[in-house]
């Protein structure tokens, strides 16, 4: 058996949480392979609305094992709060969740370093969520980090103090107070000790050998990948399909279907290039209609038309086999809709996504007629307005990958699966 992968193709916020929740019944295991509490996966079902930050989005489906993989970074204070919210909804988190011993811990001082680093950048700041993600991954690659399994060791406090002192030396140049986070951190560590820590790479590979179905869940989006995103305005991990292998410990030959999720338009949180951004009333309409505010930060998202140049690039990088379009319903009231099909760079048109985006890049648009009707109550593809089907089928033709799922609303029931 092979591992299927579900990941975002834009700058995050594509609706990964909802789609994982929808398709999880077809799987035995759902595993997060990168990112941390900077993620915000929104789920809506049975009059419940909840945002997950670290826990895989399959947690609300009974008899499904959820795994936090080694590529994830964990803030004990944040994750135990997430546990409590989920438990109140009747989920047996202790039974359904496994945590990799090799996942790294976010320390209180990581959060302070994150804030200090962002402040020092001034106008060039990247728009960090200030959750300590970047500094934690830096310690991981610098071979200084603390791993989740270490909280089970008797000398964990000594190991914590050693890394903390290294951070304090660095932070002497700044004004800071890490102690405001320490009480919650250690309370979280104590609570975490009651959960199941495993060598998740063995768990997943054994499951595959036993013909169990595994779904790898990504966080953020392809265009935020540390290598292939719009650097330096990116996250600190590999959000692309290749990150599944290092983030869960499975071989490239064990990758099966790759589900790529994209919105019917584009959004971005924080700084960085955004060729199709709309800084006008149309962009504001997209923001308000789509409720485009960060699930983690609450910040208003920047909005713009769908960028086919960037989407093709993401599909290529990830080897996407099936596309999933979300938030098509947000475009219900638009008379005209645009898709960027090319870029104009220094007077020359191109369909290649450049290594560095800047203000000289101008999108070349193709116009589409809107459908001007509500689609949220439609349950089959054949009943969708002809204008929307033309929009979808144009995207399929240009990219060469079928759109298998169309989300027409935030609820798990508002989903069209094409046979």
Protein backbone atom coordinates (compact mmCIF):
# COMPACT_ATOMS: atom_id res chain seq x y z
CA UNK A 1 0.00 0.00 0.00
CA UNK A 2 1.11 3.57 -0.66
CA UNK A 3 0.64 6.85 1.21
CA UNK A 4 -1.68 9.40 -0.36
CA UNK A 5 -0.77 13.06 0.15
CA UNK A 6 -2.99 16.10 0.57
CA UNK A 7 -1.40 19.53 0.45
CA UNK A 8 -2.01 23.15 -0.48
CA UNK A 9 -0.95 24.60 -3.83
CA UNK A 10 -1.04 28.31 -3.00
CA UNK A 11 0.05 30.43 -0.01
CA UNK A 12 -1.88 28.33 2.50
CA UNK A 13 -5.46 28.71 3.75
CA UNK A 14 -6.76 26.59 0.85
CA UNK A 15 -9.17 24.57 3.02
CA UNK A 16 -7.01 21.53 3.74
CA UNK A 17 -8.64 20.83 7.11
CA UNK A 18 -12.13 20.56 5.69
CA UNK A 19 -11.08 18.29 2.84
CA UNK A 20 -9.05 15.97 5.10
CA UNK A 21 -12.10 15.68 7.34
CA UNK A 22 -14.25 14.84 4.30
CA UNK A 23 -12.03 12.12 2.84
CA UNK A 24 -10.67 10.62 6.10
CA UNK A 25 -13.31 7.79 6.23
CA UNK A 26 -11.45 6.18 3.31
CA UNK A 27 -8.25 5.91 5.42
CA UNK A 28 -6.92 4.16 8.51
CA UNK A 29 -4.30 6.76 9.45
CA UNK A 30 -4.00 10.53 8.99
CA UNK A 31 -0.52 11.96 9.61
CA UNK A 32 0.77 15.55 9.74
CA UNK A 33 4.26 15.77 8.23
CA UNK A 34 5.45 19.37 8.78
CA UNK A 35 4.66 22.75 10.29
CA UNK A 36 3.37 23.51 13.75
CA UNK A 37 0.90 25.81 15.49
CA UNK A 38 1.35 28.35 12.69
CA UNK A 39 -1.16 26.20 10.80
CA UNK A 40 -4.89 26.82 11.09
CA UNK A 41 -7.09 24.07 9.65
CA UNK A 42 -10.77 24.99 9.93
CA UNK A 43 -13.45 22.28 10.21
CA UNK A 44 -17.23 22.70 10.26
CA UNK A 45 -19.72 19.88 10.82
CA UNK A 46 -22.78 19.05 12.96
CA UNK A 47 -23.10 22.70 14.12
CA UNK A 48 -19.46 22.59 15.29
CA UNK A 49 -16.79 25.00 14.11
CA UNK A 50 -13.21 24.41 15.22
CA UNK A 51 -9.69 25.33 14.13
CA UNK A 52 -6.89 22.76 14.49
CA UNK A 53 -3.28 23.94 14.71
CA UNK A 54 -1.12 20.87 15.33
CA UNK A 55 -3.45 17.87 15.53
CA UNK A 56 -4.28 16.13 12.21
CA UNK A 57 -7.70 16.93 10.77
CA UNK A 58 -8.87 13.31 10.88
CA UNK A 59 -9.26 13.46 14.66
CA UNK A 60 -13.07 13.82 14.55
CA UNK A 61 -13.57 10.57 12.66
CA UNK A 62 -13.92 7.56 14.97
CA UNK A 63 -11.52 4.61 14.72
CA UNK A 64 -8.98 6.66 12.72
CA UNK A 65 -5.42 6.87 14.04
CA UNK A 66 -3.93 10.36 13.85
CA UNK A 67 -0.16 10.85 13.92
CA UNK A 68 1.92 13.96 14.53
CA UNK A 69 5.03 13.15 12.50
CA UNK A 70 8.69 13.86 13.12
CA UNK A 71 8.64 16.82 10.71
CA UNK A 72 6.20 18.74 12.92
CA UNK A 73 7.24 21.20 15.66
CA UNK A 74 5.15 21.17 18.85
CA UNK A 75 4.43 23.87 21.43
CA UNK A 76 3.35 21.95 24.57
CA UNK A 77 1.34 24.90 25.90
CA UNK A 78 -0.65 25.28 22.68
CA UNK A 79 -1.22 21.61 21.89
CA UNK A 80 -2.65 20.73 25.31
CA UNK A 81 -5.16 23.58 24.95
CA UNK A 82 -6.11 22.02 21.63
CA UNK A 83 -6.48 18.62 23.32
CA UNK A 84 -8.91 20.05 25.88
CA UNK A 85 -11.10 21.71 23.24
CA UNK A 86 -11.34 18.46 21.31
CA UNK A 87 -12.04 16.35 24.39
CA UNK A 88 -15.02 18.59 25.19
CA UNK A 89 -16.47 17.52 21.84
CA UNK A 90 -16.35 13.86 22.87
CA UNK A 91 -13.12 12.82 21.15
CA UNK A 92 -10.86 10.31 22.93
CA UNK A 93 -7.63 12.06 22.01
CA UNK A 94 -5.43 9.73 24.08
CA UNK A 95 -6.71 6.74 22.10
CA UNK A 96 -6.74 8.29 18.64
CA UNK A 97 -3.48 10.27 18.65
CA UNK A 98 0.16 9.21 18.41
CA UNK A 99 3.09 11.64 18.65
CA UNK A 100 6.50 11.09 17.06
CA UNK A 101 9.35 11.05 19.55
CA UNK A 102 11.40 12.84 16.91
CA UNK A 103 9.10 15.88 16.54
CA UNK A 104 10.83 18.97 17.91
CA UNK A 105 9.64 21.16 20.79
CA UNK A 106 9.01 24.90 20.64
CA UNK A 107 10.47 26.51 23.78
CA UNK A 108 9.31 29.81 25.30
CA UNK A 109 12.61 31.36 24.21
CA UNK A 110 11.96 30.27 20.62
CA UNK A 111 8.90 32.52 20.63
CA UNK A 112 10.93 35.45 21.97
CA UNK A 113 13.66 34.92 19.37
CA UNK A 114 10.97 34.83 16.66
CA UNK A 115 9.50 38.16 17.80
CA UNK A 116 12.95 39.77 18.18
CA UNK A 117 14.07 38.59 14.76
CA UNK A 118 10.91 39.84 13.09
CA UNK A 119 11.13 43.23 14.81
CA UNK A 120 14.77 43.60 13.74
CA UNK A 121 13.80 43.17 10.09
CA UNK A 122 11.74 46.37 10.13
CA UNK A 123 10.17 47.00 6.73
CA UNK A 124 11.56 43.72 5.40
CA UNK A 125 9.71 41.56 7.95
CA UNK A 126 8.19 38.41 6.49
CA UNK A 127 4.92 38.41 8.44
CA UNK A 128 5.78 35.60 10.86
CA UNK A 129 3.00 34.20 13.05
CA UNK A 130 5.44 34.67 15.98
CA UNK A 131 4.82 31.12 17.20
CA UNK A 132 8.52 30.29 17.36
CA UNK A 133 8.42 28.05 14.29
CA UNK A 134 11.48 29.39 12.46
CA UNK A 135 13.83 29.42 15.48
CA UNK A 136 12.74 25.86 16.37
CA UNK A 137 13.58 24.57 12.90
CA UNK A 138 16.88 26.50 13.07
CA UNK A 139 17.78 24.67 16.26
CA UNK A 140 16.74 21.40 14.62
CA UNK A 141 19.06 21.88 11.65
CA UNK A 142 21.73 23.32 13.96
CA UNK A 143 21.55 20.10 16.02
CA UNK A 144 20.61 21.97 19.19
CA UNK A 145 16.90 21.18 19.41
CA UNK A 146 14.84 19.30 21.97
CA UNK A 147 12.69 16.47 20.65
CA UNK A 148 9.28 15.50 21.96
CA UNK A 149 10.43 12.09 23.16
CA UNK A 150 12.93 13.75 25.47
CA UNK A 151 10.18 14.88 27.84
CA UNK A 152 10.02 11.25 28.96
CA UNK A 153 13.68 11.33 30.03
CA UNK A 154 14.53 11.98 33.73
CA UNK A 155 16.97 14.77 32.86
CA UNK A 156 14.56 16.66 30.57
CA UNK A 157 14.68 19.81 32.74
CA UNK A 158 18.47 19.91 32.51
CA UNK A 159 18.33 19.55 28.74
CA UNK A 160 15.74 22.34 28.60
CA UNK A 161 17.90 24.65 30.73
CA UNK A 162 20.95 24.03 28.54
CA UNK A 163 19.15 25.12 25.37
CA UNK A 164 17.42 27.99 27.15
CA UNK A 165 20.76 29.42 28.29
CA UNK A 166 22.02 29.39 24.69
CA UNK A 167 18.96 31.38 23.70
CA UNK A 168 19.39 33.85 26.57
CA UNK A 169 22.95 34.57 25.45
CA UNK A 170 21.62 35.42 21.98
CA UNK A 171 18.78 37.52 23.40
CA UNK A 172 21.01 39.73 25.57
CA UNK A 173 20.95 42.31 22.80
CA UNK A 174 17.16 42.59 23.09
CA UNK A 175 14.66 43.44 25.80
CA UNK A 176 12.70 40.27 26.52
CA UNK A 177 10.82 38.22 29.11
CA UNK A 178 10.54 34.53 28.33
CA UNK A 179 9.27 33.64 31.81
CA UNK A 180 5.71 34.69 30.92
CA UNK A 181 5.49 31.53 28.80
CA UNK A 182 7.34 29.08 31.05
CA UNK A 183 4.53 28.09 33.43
CA UNK A 184 2.26 27.13 30.53
CA UNK A 185 5.13 25.36 28.78
CA UNK A 186 5.90 23.07 31.70
CA UNK A 187 2.21 22.48 32.40
CA UNK A 188 1.95 21.41 28.78
CA UNK A 189 4.97 19.15 29.09
CA UNK A 190 3.44 17.47 32.14
CA UNK A 191 0.15 16.90 30.31
CA UNK A 192 1.96 15.61 27.20
CA UNK A 193 3.60 12.86 29.24
CA UNK A 194 0.21 11.13 29.46
CA UNK A 195 0.02 10.70 25.67
CA UNK A 196 1.49 8.03 23.42
CA UNK A 197 4.93 8.76 22.00
CA UNK A 198 6.11 6.43 19.25
CA UNK A 199 8.74 5.97 16.57
CA UNK A 200 6.15 7.01 14.02
CA UNK A 201 8.21 5.97 10.99
CA UNK A 202 7.91 2.33 12.11
CA UNK A 203 4.18 2.70 12.83
CA UNK A 204 3.48 4.13 9.38
CA UNK A 205 5.65 1.71 7.43
CA UNK A 206 4.19 -1.27 9.27
CA UNK A 207 0.70 0.02 8.51
CA UNK A 208 1.57 0.27 4.82
CA UNK A 209 3.00 -3.26 4.88
CA UNK A 210 -0.28 -4.42 6.44
CA UNK A 211 -2.22 -2.78 3.57
CA UNK A 212 -3.56 0.01 5.76
CA UNK A 213 -4.44 3.27 4.03
CA UNK A 214 -2.45 6.33 5.09
CA UNK A 215 -3.15 9.99 4.28
CA UNK A 216 -0.36 12.54 4.79
CA UNK A 217 -1.71 16.00 5.67
CA UNK A 218 0.31 19.10 4.83
CA UNK A 219 0.22 22.52 6.45
CA UNK A 220 0.75 25.99 4.93
CA UNK A 221 1.07 25.85 1.11
CA UNK A 222 3.50 25.06 -1.71
CA UNK A 223 4.31 28.72 -2.37
CA UNK A 224 5.49 28.99 1.25
CA UNK A 225 7.95 26.09 0.93
CA UNK A 226 11.44 26.94 2.23
CA UNK A 227 13.04 25.85 -1.07
CA UNK A 228 10.39 26.37 -3.75
CA UNK A 229 8.22 29.14 -2.32
CA UNK A 230 8.48 32.92 -2.74
CA UNK A 231 11.70 33.13 -0.72
CA UNK A 232 12.44 34.74 1.73
CA UNK A 233 8.72 35.26 2.44
CA UNK A 234 8.19 31.60 3.23
CA UNK A 235 7.79 29.23 6.16
CA UNK A 236 10.66 27.20 7.65
CA UNK A 237 9.77 23.71 6.45
CA UNK A 238 9.21 21.77 3.25
CA UNK A 239 5.50 22.03 2.55
CA UNK A 240 5.75 20.13 -0.75
CA UNK A 241 5.21 16.44 -1.44
CA UNK A 242 8.91 15.66 -0.93
CA UNK A 243 8.48 16.80 2.68
CA UNK A 244 6.29 13.76 3.32
CA UNK A 245 9.31 11.46 2.99
CA UNK A 246 11.44 13.36 5.49
CA UNK A 247 8.53 14.41 7.69
CA UNK A 248 7.11 10.91 8.18
CA UNK A 249 10.01 8.60 7.31
CA UNK A 250 8.63 6.89 4.22
CA UNK A 251 10.34 6.15 0.91
CA UNK A 252 9.54 8.13 -2.28
CA UNK A 253 8.34 4.87 -3.84
CA UNK A 254 5.61 4.75 -1.17
CA UNK A 255 3.85 7.91 -2.40
CA UNK A 256 0.50 7.23 -4.06
CA UNK A 257 -2.14 9.79 -5.05
CA UNK A 258 -1.24 13.45 -4.54
CA UNK A 259 -4.27 15.65 -3.86
CA UNK A 260 -3.56 19.33 -4.54
CA UNK A 261 -5.94 21.87 -3.02
CA UNK A 262 -6.46 25.38 -4.38
CA UNK A 263 -8.98 28.14 -3.87
CA UNK A 264 -11.03 29.37 -6.80
CA UNK A 265 -9.10 32.62 -6.25
CA UNK A 266 -5.90 33.47 -4.33
CA UNK A 267 -5.13 34.74 -0.83
CA UNK A 268 -2.02 35.44 1.18
CA UNK A 269 -1.34 36.34 4.82
CA UNK A 270 1.65 38.50 5.71
CA UNK A 271 4.32 40.03 3.51
CA UNK A 272 5.65 38.82 0.18
CA UNK A 273 4.95 39.01 -3.55
CA UNK A 274 1.44 38.42 -4.84
CA UNK A 275 1.16 39.09 -8.61
CA UNK A 276 -2.67 38.94 -8.87
CA UNK A 277 -3.41 40.88 -5.67
CA UNK A 278 -6.45 43.19 -5.81
CA UNK A 279 -6.02 46.36 -3.76
CA UNK A 280 -9.47 47.68 -4.63
CA UNK A 281 -13.17 47.15 -3.95
CA UNK A 282 -13.06 43.82 -5.77
CA UNK A 283 -10.34 42.57 -3.44
CA UNK A 284 -12.33 43.77 -0.44
CA UNK A 285 -15.41 41.97 -1.74
CA UNK A 286 -13.40 38.73 -1.98
CA UNK A 287 -12.16 39.25 1.58
CA UNK A 288 -15.55 39.93 3.15
CA UNK A 289 -17.50 37.35 1.14
CA UNK A 290 -14.88 34.67 1.74
CA UNK A 291 -14.35 35.60 5.42
CA UNK A 292 -10.67 35.86 4.62
CA UNK A 293 -9.06 36.35 7.99
CA UNK A 294 -6.22 34.15 9.28
CA UNK A 295 -7.41 31.13 11.28
CA UNK A 296 -4.26 31.35 13.43
CA UNK A 297 -3.50 35.08 13.54
CA UNK A 298 -6.86 36.69 12.76
CA UNK A 299 -5.08 39.00 10.32
CA UNK A 300 -7.01 40.04 7.19
CA UNK A 301 -5.81 38.07 4.19
CA UNK A 302 -4.69 39.74 1.00
CA UNK A 303 -6.87 38.64 -1.93
CA UNK A 304 -6.61 38.35 -5.70
CA UNK A 305 -7.58 36.41 -8.80
CA UNK A 306 -6.52 32.82 -9.44
CA UNK A 307 -2.90 32.60 -10.64
CA UNK A 308 -2.54 29.76 -13.14
CA UNK A 309 1.20 30.32 -13.61
CA UNK A 310 1.81 29.68 -9.91
CA UNK A 311 -0.72 26.82 -9.84
CA UNK A 312 0.97 24.99 -12.72
CA UNK A 313 4.30 25.37 -10.94
CA UNK A 314 2.89 23.89 -7.72
CA UNK A 315 1.33 20.97 -9.59
CA UNK A 316 4.69 20.24 -11.24
CA UNK A 317 6.71 20.43 -8.01
CA UNK A 318 4.32 18.12 -6.15
CA UNK A 319 3.43 15.65 -8.90
CA UNK A 320 -0.27 16.33 -8.27
CA UNK A 321 -2.59 13.62 -9.59
CA UNK A 322 -5.94 15.10 -8.49
CA UNK A 323 -7.04 18.68 -7.97
CA UNK A 324 -9.49 19.94 -5.34
CA UNK A 325 -11.07 23.37 -5.73
CA UNK A 326 -12.39 25.12 -2.63
CA UNK A 327 -14.43 28.27 -2.01
CA UNK A 328 -16.05 28.30 -5.44
CA UNK A 329 -19.16 29.65 -3.65
CA UNK A 330 -17.30 32.87 -2.75
CA UNK A 331 -17.45 33.85 -6.43
CA UNK A 332 -21.25 33.39 -6.62
CA UNK A 333 -22.02 37.12 -6.90
CA UNK A 334 -19.23 38.20 -9.26
CA UNK A 335 -20.31 39.35 -12.74
CA UNK A 336 -16.88 38.75 -14.21
CA UNK A 337 -13.97 36.62 -13.00
CA UNK A 338 -10.36 36.60 -14.11
CA UNK A 339 -7.58 34.01 -14.24
CA UNK A 340 -3.93 34.97 -14.73
CA UNK A 341 -2.70 32.69 -17.52
CA UNK A 342 0.74 34.25 -18.08
CA UNK A 343 3.17 36.80 -16.64
CA UNK A 344 4.65 39.70 -18.52
CA UNK A 345 8.25 40.21 -17.41
CA UNK A 346 10.14 43.17 -18.91
CA UNK A 347 7.77 43.17 -21.86
CA UNK A 348 8.10 39.42 -22.52
CA UNK A 349 5.27 36.98 -21.78
CA UNK A 350 6.06 33.74 -19.95
CA UNK A 351 4.24 30.82 -18.37
CA UNK A 352 7.19 29.96 -16.13
CA UNK A 353 7.11 30.84 -12.44
CA UNK A 354 10.25 32.92 -11.78
CA UNK A 355 12.68 32.24 -8.93
CA UNK A 356 12.09 35.77 -7.68
CA UNK A 357 8.86 37.72 -8.00
CA UNK A 358 8.96 41.51 -8.04
CA UNK A 359 6.88 44.52 -8.98
CA UNK A 360 7.92 44.36 -12.65
CA UNK A 361 5.83 41.22 -13.14
CA UNK A 362 2.41 41.90 -14.63
CA UNK A 363 -0.25 39.18 -14.85
CA UNK A 364 -1.90 38.52 -18.21
CA UNK A 365 -5.57 37.71 -17.59
CA UNK A 366 -8.28 35.72 -19.27
CA UNK A 367 -11.88 36.78 -18.52
CA UNK A 368 -14.71 34.46 -17.51
CA UNK A 369 -18.39 35.14 -17.08
CA UNK A 370 -19.70 34.74 -13.53
CA UNK A 371 -22.64 32.47 -12.64
CA UNK A 372 -24.54 34.90 -10.37
CA UNK A 373 -26.37 32.24 -8.38
CA UNK A 374 -25.86 30.43 -5.09
CA UNK A 375 -24.22 27.00 -5.43
CA UNK A 376 -24.07 25.96 -1.74
CA UNK A 377 -27.08 23.64 -1.96
CA UNK A 378 -25.87 21.85 -5.08
CA UNK A 379 -24.65 18.30 -4.47
CA UNK A 380 -23.77 17.03 -7.95
CA UNK A 381 -21.37 18.37 -10.57
CA UNK A 382 -23.92 18.14 -13.37
CA UNK A 383 -26.17 20.68 -11.59
CA UNK A 384 -23.48 23.33 -11.27
CA UNK A 385 -23.97 26.46 -13.43
CA UNK A 386 -22.48 26.13 -16.91
CA UNK A 387 -20.26 29.17 -16.27
CA UNK A 388 -18.65 27.52 -13.24
CA UNK A 389 -18.17 24.26 -15.13
CA UNK A 390 -16.49 26.21 -17.94
CA UNK A 391 -14.20 27.83 -15.33
CA UNK A 392 -13.27 24.47 -13.82
CA UNK A 393 -12.81 22.70 -17.13
CA UNK A 394 -10.55 25.48 -18.42
CA UNK A 395 -8.30 24.98 -15.40
CA UNK A 396 -8.27 21.20 -15.94
CA UNK A 397 -7.34 21.60 -19.60
CA UNK A 398 -4.56 24.10 -18.94
CA UNK A 399 -2.99 22.13 -16.09
CA UNK A 400 -3.66 18.63 -17.39
CA UNK A 401 -4.94 17.31 -14.05
CA UNK A 402 -8.61 16.62 -13.24
CA UNK A 403 -10.56 18.55 -10.59
CA UNK A 404 -12.06 15.69 -8.59
CA UNK A 405 -13.61 17.62 -5.69
CA UNK A 406 -15.37 20.99 -5.63
CA UNK A 407 -16.14 22.59 -2.27
CA UNK A 408 -19.26 24.78 -2.37
CA UNK A 409 -19.35 25.82 1.30
CA UNK A 410 -17.49 25.44 4.62
CA UNK A 411 -19.49 22.49 5.98
CA UNK A 412 -18.27 18.93 5.34
CA UNK A 413 -21.62 18.25 3.60
CA UNK A 414 -21.10 21.10 1.14
CA UNK A 415 -18.74 19.08 -1.02
CA UNK A 416 -19.12 17.71 -4.54
CA UNK A 417 -17.07 14.62 -5.34
CA UNK A 418 -16.87 13.92 -9.06
CA UNK A 419 -16.97 10.25 -9.99
